[in-house]
Protein backbone atom coordinates (compact mmCIF):
# COMPACT_ATOMS: atom_id res chain seq x y z
CA MET A 1 35.14 78.00 28.56
CA LYS A 2 31.43 77.78 27.91
CA ARG A 3 32.09 76.91 24.27
CA ARG A 4 34.50 74.15 25.32
CA GLN A 5 31.94 72.71 27.78
CA PHE A 6 29.22 72.78 25.14
CA ALA A 7 31.50 71.06 22.62
CA ALA A 8 32.37 68.36 25.15
CA GLN A 9 28.71 67.76 26.00
CA ALA A 10 27.77 67.60 22.31
CA ALA A 11 30.55 65.10 21.66
CA ALA A 12 29.28 62.92 24.52
CA VAL A 13 25.74 62.98 23.15
CA ILE A 14 26.96 62.04 19.64
CA ALA A 15 29.10 59.19 21.04
CA ALA A 16 26.18 57.85 23.05
CA ALA A 17 23.93 57.94 20.01
CA ALA A 18 26.55 56.16 17.91
CA THR A 19 26.97 53.33 20.42
CA ALA A 20 23.24 52.91 21.13
CA PRO A 21 22.58 50.57 18.18
CA MET A 22 25.58 48.44 19.19
CA ALA A 23 24.32 48.21 22.76
CA PHE A 24 20.84 47.28 21.49
CA ALA A 25 22.30 44.55 19.27
CA GLN A 26 24.20 43.11 22.23
CA GLU A 27 21.10 43.16 24.46
CA ARG A 28 18.60 41.63 22.02
CA ALA A 29 18.22 37.87 21.64
CA THR A 30 16.46 35.37 19.43
CA ARG A 31 14.37 32.66 21.07
CA ILE A 32 14.02 29.37 19.23
CA LEU A 33 11.00 27.47 20.47
CA ILE A 34 11.07 23.67 20.69
CA GLY A 35 7.69 21.97 21.06
CA PHE A 36 9.16 19.03 22.97
CA PRO A 37 11.08 18.50 26.24
CA PRO A 38 14.87 18.90 26.45
CA GLY A 39 17.00 15.98 25.32
CA GLY A 40 15.06 15.05 22.19
CA SER A 41 16.46 15.20 18.67
CA ALA A 42 14.89 18.58 17.79
CA ASP A 43 16.27 20.06 21.00
CA VAL A 44 19.79 18.66 20.46
CA VAL A 45 20.08 19.83 16.84
CA ALA A 46 18.60 23.24 17.63
CA ARG A 47 21.16 23.77 20.38
CA LEU A 48 23.98 22.84 18.01
CA LEU A 49 22.77 25.39 15.48
CA ALA A 50 22.01 28.09 18.06
CA ASP A 51 25.55 27.96 19.41
CA LYS A 52 26.90 28.83 15.95
CA MET A 53 24.10 31.17 14.86
CA ARG A 54 24.74 33.61 17.68
CA VAL A 55 28.13 34.41 16.11
CA SER A 56 26.63 35.11 12.69
CA LEU A 57 23.69 37.09 14.07
CA GLY A 58 25.74 39.03 16.60
CA HIS A 59 23.44 38.35 19.56
CA ASN A 60 22.33 35.54 21.84
CA VAL A 61 20.22 32.70 20.48
CA ILE A 62 18.28 30.96 23.26
CA ILE A 63 16.49 27.61 23.13
CA ASP A 64 13.08 27.71 24.82
CA ASN A 65 11.35 24.35 25.32
CA LYS A 66 7.55 24.59 25.17
CA PRO A 67 6.36 20.97 25.14
CA GLY A 68 2.76 19.97 24.63
CA ALA A 69 0.29 18.71 22.01
CA ALA A 70 3.06 17.31 19.78
CA GLY A 71 4.42 20.80 19.11
CA ARG A 72 1.14 22.64 18.59
CA LEU A 73 1.46 24.75 21.77
CA ALA A 74 4.80 26.16 20.64
CA LEU A 75 3.42 26.85 17.16
CA ALA A 76 0.48 28.74 18.67
CA GLU A 77 2.95 30.99 20.51
CA LEU A 78 4.99 31.53 17.36
CA LYS A 79 1.91 32.50 15.34
CA ARG A 80 1.18 35.44 17.64
CA SER A 81 4.82 36.57 17.98
CA PRO A 82 6.21 39.75 16.38
CA PRO A 83 7.68 39.25 12.87
CA ASP A 84 11.06 40.74 13.77
CA GLY A 85 13.05 37.50 14.09
CA SER A 86 13.04 37.57 17.88
CA VAL A 87 10.95 34.37 18.12
CA LEU A 88 11.38 31.34 15.83
CA ILE A 89 10.65 27.62 16.02
CA PHE A 90 12.71 24.57 15.12
CA SER A 91 10.02 22.07 14.28
CA PRO A 92 9.81 18.46 13.16
CA SER A 93 7.86 18.18 9.95
CA GLY A 94 4.91 16.36 11.54
CA ALA A 95 3.34 19.59 12.76
CA MET A 96 3.36 20.92 9.19
CA VAL A 97 2.56 17.80 7.14
CA ILE A 98 0.70 15.38 9.46
CA HIS A 99 -1.44 17.57 11.71
CA PRO A 100 -3.39 19.23 8.86
CA TRP A 101 -4.83 15.81 7.95
CA LEU A 102 -5.75 15.02 11.56
CA TYR A 103 -7.35 18.04 13.16
CA SER A 104 -10.41 19.83 11.79
CA ASN A 105 -9.70 22.82 14.05
CA LEU A 106 -5.93 22.86 14.06
CA GLY A 107 -5.62 26.54 14.95
CA TYR A 108 -3.07 27.32 12.25
CA ASP A 109 -2.52 26.94 8.52
CA PRO A 110 1.05 25.68 8.01
CA ALA A 111 1.23 27.23 4.55
CA LYS A 112 -0.02 30.69 5.57
CA ASP A 113 0.57 31.28 9.28
CA PHE A 114 4.35 30.79 9.40
CA THR A 115 7.37 31.99 7.45
CA PRO A 116 9.69 29.22 6.17
CA ILE A 117 13.31 30.14 6.84
CA ALA A 118 15.63 27.16 6.50
CA LEU A 119 15.79 23.39 6.40
CA GLY A 120 17.86 22.15 9.34
CA SER A 121 18.32 18.42 8.69
CA THR A 122 16.61 15.35 7.28
CA PHE A 123 16.17 11.97 8.90
CA ASP A 124 14.41 8.65 8.91
CA PHE A 125 13.39 6.60 11.94
CA ALA A 126 14.75 3.76 14.00
CA ILE A 127 12.72 0.73 15.07
CA THR A 128 14.16 0.01 18.50
CA ALA A 129 13.48 -2.94 20.81
CA GLY A 130 13.99 -2.69 24.56
CA PRO A 131 14.34 -5.32 27.29
CA GLY A 132 10.57 -5.77 27.23
CA ALA A 133 10.87 -7.46 23.82
CA PRO A 134 12.34 -10.91 23.14
CA PRO A 135 15.83 -11.26 21.61
CA GLY A 136 16.12 -11.62 17.86
CA ASP A 137 15.63 -9.60 14.70
CA LEU A 138 12.64 -7.46 13.73
CA LYS A 139 10.63 -10.36 12.30
CA THR A 140 11.13 -12.30 15.55
CA VAL A 141 9.88 -9.37 17.62
CA LEU A 142 6.90 -8.80 15.32
CA ALA A 143 5.99 -12.50 15.51
CA TRP A 144 6.09 -12.27 19.32
CA MET A 145 3.84 -9.20 19.21
CA LYS A 146 1.37 -11.01 16.98
CA ALA A 147 1.27 -13.90 19.46
CA ASN A 148 0.98 -11.51 22.43
CA PRO A 149 -1.45 -8.78 21.34
CA GLY A 150 -1.73 -7.42 24.87
CA LYS A 151 1.97 -6.53 24.75
CA ALA A 152 2.09 -5.29 21.16
CA ASN A 153 2.77 -1.64 22.02
CA TYR A 154 5.13 0.86 20.44
CA ALA A 155 6.21 4.22 21.83
CA THR A 156 6.77 7.50 20.00
CA SER A 157 7.39 11.14 20.87
CA GLY A 158 3.71 12.02 20.51
CA ALA A 159 0.35 11.42 18.87
CA GLY A 160 0.07 12.83 15.37
CA THR A 161 3.82 12.76 14.75
CA VAL A 162 5.50 11.18 11.75
CA PRO A 163 6.86 8.33 13.94
CA HIS A 164 3.28 7.63 15.05
CA PHE A 165 2.20 6.98 11.46
CA ALA A 166 5.47 5.30 10.49
CA GLY A 167 4.59 2.77 13.22
CA GLN A 168 1.11 2.41 11.77
CA LEU A 169 2.56 1.70 8.32
CA LEU A 170 4.89 -0.90 9.86
CA ALA A 171 1.99 -2.59 11.67
CA GLN A 172 -0.16 -2.69 8.53
CA ALA A 173 2.64 -4.02 6.30
CA ALA A 174 3.62 -6.69 8.85
CA GLY A 175 0.03 -7.68 9.57
CA VAL A 176 0.53 -7.15 13.29
CA PRO A 177 -2.02 -5.02 15.19
CA MET A 178 0.05 -2.67 17.35
CA THR A 179 -1.08 -0.14 19.95
CA HIS A 180 0.47 3.31 19.85
CA VAL A 181 1.71 4.77 23.14
CA ALA A 182 2.24 8.54 22.87
CA TYR A 183 4.75 10.40 25.07
CA ARG A 184 5.48 14.10 25.47
CA GLY A 185 8.82 13.68 23.69
CA GLY A 186 11.40 11.17 22.54
CA ALA A 187 13.49 11.30 25.70
CA PRO A 188 10.73 10.14 28.10
CA ALA A 189 9.65 7.49 25.57
CA ALA A 190 13.21 6.15 25.44
CA GLN A 191 13.37 5.95 29.23
CA ASP A 192 10.27 3.75 29.35
CA LEU A 193 11.68 1.63 26.53
CA ILE A 194 14.87 1.07 28.54
CA GLY A 195 12.80 0.33 31.64
CA GLY A 196 10.79 -2.35 29.84
CA GLN A 197 7.44 -0.54 30.09
CA VAL A 198 7.09 -0.69 26.29
CA PRO A 199 8.76 -3.31 24.08
CA LEU A 200 9.25 -1.23 20.92
CA MET A 201 9.86 2.39 19.96
CA VAL A 202 9.63 4.19 16.62
CA ASP A 203 11.39 7.54 16.53
CA THR A 204 14.51 9.30 15.32
CA ALA A 205 17.67 7.26 15.82
CA SER A 206 19.07 10.04 17.99
CA GLU A 207 16.62 9.10 20.76
CA THR A 208 18.06 5.59 21.18
CA ILE A 209 21.39 5.42 19.34
CA GLU A 210 23.61 5.90 22.41
CA HIS A 211 21.55 3.34 24.35
CA HIS A 212 21.93 0.99 21.37
CA ARG A 213 25.69 1.43 21.41
CA ALA A 214 25.71 0.79 25.16
CA GLY A 215 23.75 -2.45 24.71
CA LYS A 216 20.69 -1.28 26.64
CA VAL A 217 18.38 -1.45 23.59
CA ARG A 218 18.60 -2.82 20.03
CA ILE A 219 17.91 -0.81 16.88
CA LEU A 220 16.43 -3.49 14.62
CA ALA A 221 15.83 -1.49 11.44
CA VAL A 222 15.68 2.00 9.98
CA THR A 223 12.90 3.37 7.80
CA GLY A 224 14.94 5.09 5.10
CA GLU A 225 15.65 4.02 1.55
CA GLN A 226 19.29 3.47 2.54
CA ARG A 227 21.10 2.41 5.68
CA SER A 228 22.05 5.12 8.14
CA ARG A 229 25.64 6.37 8.04
CA ALA A 230 25.65 6.16 11.85
CA LEU A 231 24.25 2.59 11.84
CA PRO A 232 25.83 0.81 8.88
CA ASP A 233 25.12 -2.65 10.32
CA VAL A 234 21.39 -2.02 10.80
CA PRO A 235 19.14 -3.03 7.86
CA THR A 236 16.41 -0.92 6.33
CA LEU A 237 12.83 -2.12 6.68
CA LYS A 238 12.89 -3.15 3.04
CA GLU A 239 15.99 -5.25 3.67
CA ALA A 240 14.15 -6.82 6.60
CA GLY A 241 11.36 -7.83 4.22
CA ILE A 242 8.84 -5.06 5.04
CA ASN A 243 8.01 -2.70 2.17
CA VAL A 244 7.79 0.53 4.17
CA THR A 245 9.81 3.75 4.03
CA ALA A 246 9.33 6.94 6.05
CA ASP A 247 11.38 10.08 6.45
CA ALA A 248 11.00 13.59 7.81
CA PHE A 249 12.83 16.86 8.35
CA PHE A 250 13.48 19.66 10.82
CA GLY A 251 12.63 23.16 9.65
CA LEU A 252 13.24 26.61 11.10
CA TYR A 253 10.16 28.84 10.85
CA GLY A 254 9.17 32.32 11.93
CA PRO A 255 5.83 34.05 12.49
CA PRO A 256 3.87 35.42 9.54
CA GLY A 257 4.91 38.69 7.95
CA MET A 258 8.69 38.52 8.34
CA SER A 259 10.64 40.73 5.98
CA PRO A 260 12.75 39.05 3.25
CA GLU A 261 15.84 40.76 4.67
CA THR A 262 15.33 39.27 8.15
CA VAL A 263 14.61 35.83 6.69
CA ALA A 264 17.73 35.96 4.51
CA ARG A 265 19.92 36.96 7.45
CA ILE A 266 18.69 34.08 9.63
CA ASP A 267 18.82 31.60 6.74
CA LYS A 268 22.47 32.51 6.15
CA ALA A 269 23.25 31.93 9.83
CA VAL A 270 21.73 28.42 9.60
CA ALA A 271 23.60 27.66 6.36
CA ASP A 272 26.89 28.83 7.88
CA ALA A 273 26.32 26.63 10.94
CA LEU A 274 25.49 23.54 8.89
CA ARG A 275 28.70 23.92 6.87
CA MET A 276 30.84 23.60 10.00
CA PRO A 277 32.51 20.16 10.23
CA ASP A 278 31.90 19.79 13.97
CA VAL A 279 28.18 20.44 13.50
CA GLN A 280 27.98 18.00 10.59
CA ASP A 281 29.84 15.29 12.50
CA ARG A 282 27.56 15.65 15.53
CA ILE A 283 24.37 15.53 13.45
CA TYR A 284 25.57 12.47 11.54
CA ALA A 285 26.49 10.79 14.84
CA LEU A 286 22.87 11.23 15.95
CA GLY A 287 21.67 9.24 12.95
CA LEU A 288 20.42 12.39 11.17
CA VAL A 289 21.62 14.06 7.97
CA PRO A 290 22.76 17.71 8.00
CA ALA A 291 20.97 19.37 5.10
CA HIS A 292 20.30 23.00 4.30
CA ALA A 293 17.72 24.55 2.01
CA GLY A 294 16.44 28.11 1.89
CA PRO A 295 12.90 29.47 2.38
CA ALA A 296 11.48 28.61 -1.05
CA GLU A 297 12.99 25.12 -1.03
CA LEU A 298 11.72 24.45 2.50
CA ALA A 299 8.21 25.47 1.45
CA ALA A 300 8.39 23.09 -1.54
CA ILE A 301 9.68 20.21 0.59
CA GLN A 302 6.90 20.83 3.10
CA ALA A 303 4.25 20.78 0.36
CA ALA A 304 5.63 17.51 -1.07
CA HIS A 305 5.60 15.80 2.34
CA LEU A 306 2.08 17.07 3.01
CA LYS A 307 0.83 15.45 -0.19
CA ARG A 308 2.78 12.23 0.45
CA TRP A 309 1.17 11.63 3.86
CA GLU A 310 -2.44 12.34 2.86
CA MET A 311 -3.50 8.83 1.85
CA PRO A 312 -1.52 6.87 4.48
CA ILE A 313 -3.19 8.92 7.22
CA LYS A 314 -6.65 8.72 5.68
CA ASN A 315 -6.23 4.95 5.31
CA SER A 316 -4.90 4.50 8.86
CA GLY A 317 -8.29 4.70 10.54
CA PHE A 318 -6.99 7.33 12.96
CA LYS A 319 -9.85 9.45 14.27
CA ALA A 320 -9.15 13.13 13.71
CA GLU A 321 -9.84 15.43 16.64
CA SER A 322 -11.83 18.65 16.40
């Protein structure tokens, strides 16, 4: 009897030990930080990917919005997070390729303090007019701004973002002095555009495309080399007679020191998600382009964008902060 009881107890201990890793896997979760409020393009795309990634990774993937300082607050949290894949960030490229040229005491080195994991999508920007602007095409609105310098304002999702400097390039090329109005994200900027508080907005098409379709605002041009698949009737800036192009990307990054095995596992989950037709269709509908690249390719893309923006920012007259 004693031997049977001992055998039963031993079997229970072995079973518990065997199921412990499974229970741990079910309990753990990955947080993906977003440096902007809910409702913006980074938030929407990250949620699309997270919903699919949880299946590949075998545990929950949670979106955690940490808005502030155009994404720098979320990046500061990521930098001090453990390198086990439990905390990541889905970041617009501005934090990696614009901020280094702006801030002498940025608090992070984008090439050393984070681990590139996967490219999430690429995109250009929409130039959108709200009810605070006159009717007509882009040249009509720019002419009105030139004649009304006190109203020549454009909104973006934040200071130091790619849309911020895309707007600066537009203003310089058009010869129209424009004042930048920075918001804490694309969603609040779009609300003020619809309300007539600002006449123009420069940001991802996803921020205004549904309002454009509903007739509340008008997307006048896009900043890419080609027209957007989601907006085939909207001209590029070049087609509108303004020689400016600007594009950007979303990247998934981790803290420094992540193991290649962990990076590869998460990268595969992103790649699997981006291959799904429903994810692709939704991203295209937002005016973005679903595009995957692995860690090495993401690092190379980041370096190329960093070099590309150096002179436009230095020539913009923008005063870098300490």
